């Protein structure tokens, strides 16, 4: 499961915060976020939810209104 998530992150490096996973996360963090997902699609969806939230926060900080 974890290799599929890493591959997805590399393929989508510049989208939705996947760069956080590529640059900052270790295997333990990925496994913790995946949890008990049984299929690759579910594992990717769980991680996407977290990295997208991180990306949204980053965009807020970079925003001139902040």
PDB file of N, CA and C in Angstrom:
ATOM      1  N   UNK A   1       0.821  -1.190   0.000  1.00  0.00           N
ATOM      2  CA  UNK A   1       0.000   0.000   0.000  1.00  0.00           C
ATOM      3  C   UNK A   1       0.866   1.255   0.000  1.00  0.00           C
ATOM      4  N   UNK A   2       1.850   1.254   0.853  1.00  0.00           N
ATOM      5  CA  UNK A   2       2.728   2.414   1.000  1.00  0.00           C
ATOM      6  C   UNK A   2       3.447   2.765  -0.306  1.00  0.00           C
ATOM      7  N   UNK A   3       3.986   1.805  -1.057  1.00  0.00           N
ATOM      8  CA  UNK A   3       4.626   2.159  -2.325  1.00  0.00           C
ATOM      9  C   UNK A   3       3.667   2.833  -3.312  1.00  0.00           C
ATOM     10  N   UNK A   4       2.408   2.414  -3.304  1.00  0.00           N
ATOM     11  CA  UNK A   4       1.417   3.032  -4.195  1.00  0.00           C
ATOM     12  C   UNK A   4       1.171   4.484  -3.801  1.00  0.00           C
ATOM     13  N   UNK A   5       1.130   4.753  -2.508  1.00  0.00           N
ATOM     14  CA  UNK A   5       0.928   6.121  -2.032  1.00  0.00           C
ATOM     15  C   UNK A   5       2.129   6.986  -2.409  1.00  0.00           C
ATOM     16  N   UNK A   6       3.325   6.460  -2.231  1.00  0.00           N
ATOM     17  CA  UNK A   6       4.531   7.210  -2.599  1.00  0.00           C
ATOM     18  C   UNK A   6       4.574   7.483  -4.100  1.00  0.00           C
ATOM     19  N   UNK A   7       4.223   6.493  -4.894  1.00  0.00           N
ATOM     20  CA  UNK A   7       4.208   6.665  -6.344  1.00  0.00           C
ATOM     21  C   UNK A   7       3.198   7.730  -6.748  1.00  0.00           C
ATOM     22  N   UNK A   8       2.030   7.695  -6.125  1.00  0.00           N
ATOM     23  CA  UNK A   8       1.005   8.699  -6.414  1.00  0.00           C
ATOM     24  C   UNK A   8       1.509  10.097  -6.037  1.00  0.00           C
ATOM     25  N   UNK A   9       2.188  10.197  -4.919  1.00  0.00           N
ATOM     26  CA  UNK A   9       2.722  11.483  -4.473  1.00  0.00           C
ATOM     27  C   UNK A   9       3.740  12.027  -5.475  1.00  0.00           C
ATOM     28  N   UNK A  10       4.605  11.172  -5.963  1.00  0.00           N
ATOM     29  CA  UNK A  10       5.597  11.609  -6.946  1.00  0.00           C
ATOM     30  C   UNK A  10       4.945  12.044  -8.252  1.00  0.00           C
ATOM     31  N   UNK A  11       3.934  11.319  -8.686  1.00  0.00           N
ATOM     32  CA  UNK A  11       3.224  11.652  -9.925  1.00  0.00           C
ATOM     33  C   UNK A  11       2.446  12.954  -9.800  1.00  0.00           C
ATOM     34  N   UNK A  12       2.054  13.302  -8.581  1.00  0.00           N
ATOM     35  CA  UNK A  12       1.220  14.482  -8.344  1.00  0.00           C
ATOM     36  C   UNK A  12       1.932  15.501  -7.462  1.00  0.00           C
ATOM     37  N   UNK A  13       3.239  15.538  -7.568  1.00  0.00           N
ATOM     38  CA  UNK A  13       4.089  16.352  -6.690  1.00  0.00           C
ATOM     39  C   UNK A  13       3.608  17.794  -6.549  1.00  0.00           C
ATOM     40  N   UNK A  14       3.185  18.409  -7.620  1.00  0.00           N
ATOM     41  CA  UNK A  14       2.816  19.826  -7.596  1.00  0.00           C
ATOM     42  C   UNK A  14       1.313  20.058  -7.398  1.00  0.00           C
ATOM     43  N   UNK A  15       0.577  19.039  -7.024  1.00  0.00           N
ATOM     44  CA  UNK A  15      -0.870  19.153  -6.850  1.00  0.00           C
ATOM     45  C   UNK A  15      -1.273  18.859  -5.410  1.00  0.00           C
ATOM     46  N   UNK A  16      -2.180  19.646  -4.900  1.00  0.00           N
ATOM     47  CA  UNK A  16      -2.889  19.354  -3.643  1.00  0.00           C
ATOM     48  C   UNK A  16      -2.018  19.027  -2.431  1.00  0.00           C
ATOM     49  N   UNK A  17      -0.759  19.443  -2.433  1.00  0.00           N
ATOM     50  CA  UNK A  17       0.075  19.231  -1.259  1.00  0.00           C
ATOM     51  C   UNK A  17       0.834  17.924  -1.214  1.00  0.00           C
ATOM     52  N   UNK A  18       0.837  17.170  -2.303  1.00  0.00           N
ATOM     53  CA  UNK A  18       1.572  15.904  -2.311  1.00  0.00           C
ATOM     54  C   UNK A  18       3.067  16.109  -2.098  1.00  0.00           C
ATOM     55  N   UNK A  19       3.560  17.310  -2.376  1.00  0.00           N
ATOM     56  CA  UNK A  19       4.977  17.591  -2.135  1.00  0.00           C
ATOM     57  C   UNK A  19       5.325  17.455  -0.652  1.00  0.00           C
ATOM     58  N   UNK A  20       4.370  17.712   0.237  1.00  0.00           N
ATOM     59  CA  UNK A  20       4.618  17.512   1.668  1.00  0.00           C
ATOM     60  C   UNK A  20       5.045  16.068   1.934  1.00  0.00           C
ATOM     61  N   UNK A  21       4.303  15.129   1.344  1.00  0.00           N
ATOM     62  CA  UNK A  21       4.633  13.724   1.566  1.00  0.00           C
ATOM     63  C   UNK A  21       6.010  13.402   1.003  1.00  0.00           C
ATOM     64  N   UNK A  22       6.280  13.831  -0.215  1.00  0.00           N
ATOM     65  CA  UNK A  22       7.549  13.520  -0.860  1.00  0.00           C
ATOM     66  C   UNK A  22       8.720  14.114  -0.081  1.00  0.00           C
ATOM     67  N   UNK A  23       8.576  15.350   0.354  1.00  0.00           N
ATOM     68  CA  UNK A  23       9.690  16.065   0.972  1.00  0.00           C
ATOM     69  C   UNK A  23       9.831  15.844   2.482  1.00  0.00           C
ATOM     70  N   UNK A  24       8.728  15.591   3.167  1.00  0.00           N
ATOM     71  CA  UNK A  24       8.768  15.663   4.631  1.00  0.00           C
ATOM     72  C   UNK A  24       8.368  14.393   5.373  1.00  0.00           C
ATOM     73  N   UNK A  25       7.584  13.547   4.791  1.00  0.00           N
ATOM     74  CA  UNK A  25       7.056  12.408   5.525  1.00  0.00           C
ATOM     75  C   UNK A  25       7.985  11.209   5.468  1.00  0.00           C
ATOM     76  N   UNK A  26       8.059  10.496   6.587  1.00  0.00           N
ATOM     77  CA  UNK A  26       8.790   9.233   6.586  1.00  0.00           C
ATOM     78  C   UNK A  26       7.769   8.090   6.482  1.00  0.00           C
ATOM     79  N   UNK A  27       8.289   6.876   6.369  1.00  0.00           N
ATOM     80  CA  UNK A  27       7.412   5.717   6.184  1.00  0.00           C
ATOM     81  C   UNK A  27       6.418   5.553   7.329  1.00  0.00           C
ATOM     82  N   UNK A  28       6.843   5.828   8.534  1.00  0.00           N
ATOM     83  CA  UNK A  28       5.955   5.674   9.692  1.00  0.00           C
ATOM     84  C   UNK A  28       4.765   6.626   9.601  1.00  0.00           C
ATOM     85  N   UNK A  29       5.000   7.847   9.157  1.00  0.00           N
ATOM     86  CA  UNK A  29       3.898   8.810   9.027  1.00  0.00           C
ATOM     87  C   UNK A  29       2.913   8.368   7.951  1.00  0.00           C
ATOM     88  N   UNK A  30       3.441   7.842   6.865  1.00  0.00           N
ATOM     89  CA  UNK A  30       2.568   7.361   5.797  1.00  0.00           C
ATOM     90  C   UNK A  30       1.717   6.200   6.304  1.00  0.00           C
ATOM     91  N   UNK A  31       2.356   5.245   6.961  1.00  0.00           N
ATOM     92  CA  UNK A  31       1.618   4.086   7.477  1.00  0.00           C
ATOM     93  C   UNK A  31       0.568   4.494   8.502  1.00  0.00           C
ATOM     94  N   UNK A  32       0.908   5.452   9.359  1.00  0.00           N
ATOM     95  CA  UNK A  32      -0.057   5.919  10.359  1.00  0.00           C
ATOM     96  C   UNK A  32      -1.271   6.550   9.692  1.00  0.00           C
ATOM     97  N   UNK A  33      -1.045   7.316   8.646  1.00  0.00           N
ATOM     98  CA  UNK A  33      -2.147   7.994   7.960  1.00  0.00           C
ATOM     99  C   UNK A  33      -2.988   7.005   7.161  1.00  0.00           C
ATOM    100  N   UNK A  34      -2.350   6.030   6.557  1.00  0.00           N
ATOM    101  CA  UNK A  34      -3.077   5.009   5.793  1.00  0.00           C
ATOM    102  C   UNK A  34      -4.000   4.222   6.717  1.00  0.00           C
ATOM    103  N   UNK A  35      -3.542   3.982   7.919  1.00  0.00           N
ATOM    104  CA  UNK A  35      -4.356   3.235   8.876  1.00  0.00           C
ATOM    105  C   UNK A  35      -4.635   1.829   8.396  1.00  0.00           C
ATOM    106  N   UNK A  36      -5.880   1.442   8.441  1.00  0.00           N
ATOM    107  CA  UNK A  36      -6.267   0.072   8.090  1.00  0.00           C
ATOM    108  C   UNK A  36      -6.855  -0.031   6.685  1.00  0.00           C
ATOM    109  N   UNK A  37      -6.526   0.924   5.835  1.00  0.00           N
ATOM    110  CA  UNK A  37      -7.024   0.877   4.455  1.00  0.00           C
ATOM    111  C   UNK A  37      -6.582  -0.434   3.808  1.00  0.00           C
ATOM    112  N   UNK A  38      -7.499  -1.060   3.102  1.00  0.00           N
ATOM    113  CA  UNK A  38      -7.215  -2.362   2.509  1.00  0.00           C
ATOM    114  C   UNK A  38      -6.903  -2.289   1.017  1.00  0.00           C
ATOM    115  N   UNK A  39      -7.284  -1.203   0.375  1.00  0.00           N
ATOM    116  CA  UNK A  39      -7.005  -1.065  -1.051  1.00  0.00           C
ATOM    117  C   UNK A  39      -6.245   0.234  -1.299  1.00  0.00           C
ATOM    118  N   UNK A  40      -5.476   0.250  -2.378  1.00  0.00           N
ATOM    119  CA  UNK A  40      -4.635   1.403  -2.691  1.00  0.00           C
ATOM    120  C   UNK A  40      -5.437   2.690  -2.813  1.00  0.00           C
ATOM    121  N   UNK A  41      -6.568   2.618  -3.480  1.00  0.00           N
ATOM    122  CA  UNK A  41      -7.399   3.810  -3.684  1.00  0.00           C
ATOM    123  C   UNK A  41      -7.817   4.429  -2.342  1.00  0.00           C
ATOM    124  N   UNK A  42      -8.166   3.603  -1.395  1.00  0.00           N
ATOM    125  CA  UNK A  42      -8.566   4.089  -0.069  1.00  0.00           C
ATOM    126  C   UNK A  42      -7.376   4.688   0.676  1.00  0.00           C
ATOM    127  N   UNK A  43      -6.212   4.074   0.547  1.00  0.00           N
ATOM    128  CA  UNK A  43      -5.010   4.591   1.201  1.00  0.00           C
ATOM    129  C   UNK A  43      -4.652   5.959   0.636  1.00  0.00           C
ATOM    130  N   UNK A  44      -4.698   6.092  -0.668  1.00  0.00           N
ATOM    131  CA  UNK A  44      -4.396   7.373  -1.315  1.00  0.00           C
ATOM    132  C   UNK A  44      -5.411   8.423  -0.891  1.00  0.00           C
ATOM    133  N   UNK A  45      -6.667   8.060  -0.812  1.00  0.00           N
ATOM    134  CA  UNK A  45      -7.712   9.006  -0.401  1.00  0.00           C
ATOM    135  C   UNK A  45      -7.486   9.499   1.027  1.00  0.00           C
ATOM    136  N   UNK A  46      -7.086   8.611   1.915  1.00  0.00           N
ATOM    137  CA  UNK A  46      -6.833   9.015   3.302  1.00  0.00           C
ATOM    138  C   UNK A  46      -5.675  10.001   3.387  1.00  0.00           C
ATOM    139  N   UNK A  47      -4.615   9.711   2.651  1.00  0.00           N
ATOM    140  CA  UNK A  47      -3.461  10.605   2.673  1.00  0.00           C
ATOM    141  C   UNK A  47      -3.787  11.916   1.981  1.00  0.00           C
ATOM    142  N   UNK A  48      -4.528  11.854   0.871  1.00  0.00           N
ATOM    143  CA  UNK A  48      -4.912  13.068   0.145  1.00  0.00           C
ATOM    144  C   UNK A  48      -5.635  14.045   1.073  1.00  0.00           C
ATOM    145  N   UNK A  49      -6.504  13.529   1.899  1.00  0.00           N
ATOM    146  CA  UNK A  49      -7.253  14.378   2.822  1.00  0.00           C
ATOM    147  C   UNK A  49      -6.310  15.189   3.714  1.00  0.00           C
ATOM    148  N   UNK A  50      -5.256  14.566   4.202  1.00  0.00           N
ATOM    149  CA  UNK A  50      -4.309  15.229   5.100  1.00  0.00           C
ATOM    150  C   UNK A  50      -3.422  16.211   4.345  1.00  0.00           C
ATOM    151  N   UNK A  51      -2.823  15.762   3.236  1.00  0.00           N
ATOM    152  CA  UNK A  51      -1.903  16.666   2.528  1.00  0.00           C
ATOM    153  C   UNK A  51      -2.645  17.838   1.895  1.00  0.00           C
ATOM    154  N   UNK A  52      -3.883  17.621   1.504  1.00  0.00           N
ATOM    155  CA  UNK A  52      -4.675  18.728   0.947  1.00  0.00           C
ATOM    156  C   UNK A  52      -4.935  19.775   2.026  1.00  0.00           C
ATOM    157  N   UNK A  53      -5.223  19.329   3.237  1.00  0.00           N
ATOM    158  CA  UNK A  53      -5.431  20.252   4.345  1.00  0.00           C
ATOM    159  C   UNK A  53      -4.144  21.050   4.625  1.00  0.00           C
ATOM    160  N   UNK A  54      -3.014  20.380   4.608  1.00  0.00           N
ATOM    161  CA  UNK A  54      -1.731  21.073   4.808  1.00  0.00           C
ATOM    162  C   UNK A  54      -1.500  22.105   3.703  1.00  0.00           C
ATOM    163  N   UNK A  55      -1.839  21.735   2.482  1.00  0.00           N
ATOM    164  CA  UNK A  55      -1.665  22.638   1.357  1.00  0.00           C
ATOM    165  C   UNK A  55      -2.572  23.868   1.480  1.00  0.00           C
ATOM    166  N   UNK A  56      -3.799  23.644   1.913  1.00  0.00           N
ATOM    167  CA  UNK A  56      -4.719  24.769   2.101  1.00  0.00           C
ATOM    168  C   UNK A  56      -4.191  25.731   3.150  1.00  0.00           C
ATOM    169  N   UNK A  57      -3.639  25.194   4.207  1.00  0.00           N
ATOM    170  CA  UNK A  57      -3.050  26.038   5.256  1.00  0.00           C
ATOM    171  C   UNK A  57      -1.862  26.827   4.712  1.00  0.00           C
ATOM    172  N   UNK A  58      -1.032  26.173   3.920  1.00  0.00           N
ATOM    173  CA  UNK A  58       0.106  26.849   3.303  1.00  0.00           C
ATOM    174  C   UNK A  58      -0.367  28.000   2.416  1.00  0.00           C
ATOM    175  N   UNK A  59      -1.415  27.772   1.655  1.00  0.00           N
ATOM    176  CA  UNK A  59      -1.953  28.815   0.779  1.00  0.00           C
ATOM    177  C   UNK A  59      -2.503  29.985   1.588  1.00  0.00           C
ATOM    178  N   UNK A  60      -3.137  29.695   2.715  1.00  0.00           N
ATOM    179  CA  UNK A  60      -3.633  30.762   3.587  1.00  0.00           C
ATOM    180  C   UNK A  60      -2.486  31.628   4.101  1.00  0.00           C
ATOM    181  N   UNK A  61      -1.408  30.987   4.478  1.00  0.00           N
ATOM    182  CA  UNK A  61      -0.255  31.725   5.009  1.00  0.00           C
ATOM    183  C   UNK A  61       0.380  32.577   3.926  1.00  0.00           C
ATOM    184  N   UNK A  62       0.437  32.078   2.726  1.00  0.00           N
ATOM    185  CA  UNK A  62       1.022  32.831   1.611  1.00  0.00           C
ATOM    186  C   UNK A  62       0.111  33.927   1.093  1.00  0.00           C
ATOM    187  N   UNK A  63      -1.144  33.873   1.445  1.00  0.00           N
ATOM    188  CA  UNK A  63      -2.126  34.841   0.961  1.00  0.00           C
ATOM    189  C   UNK A  63      -1.821  36.240   1.491  1.00  0.00           C
ATOM    190  N   UNK A  64      -1.989  37.257   0.667  1.00  0.00           N
ATOM    191  CA  UNK A  64      -1.745  38.627   1.114  1.00  0.00           C
ATOM    192  C   UNK A  64      -2.707  39.080   2.223  1.00  0.00           C
ATOM    193  N   UNK A  65      -3.852  38.460   2.326  1.00  0.00           N
ATOM    194  CA  UNK A  65      -4.824  38.835   3.357  1.00  0.00           C
ATOM    195  C   UNK A  65      -4.431  38.344   4.738  1.00  0.00           C
ATOM    196  N   UNK A  66      -3.516  37.410   4.815  1.00  0.00           N
ATOM    197  CA  UNK A  66      -3.141  36.812   6.083  1.00  0.00           C
ATOM    198  C   UNK A  66      -2.369  37.761   6.886  1.00  0.00           C
TER     199      UNK A  66
END
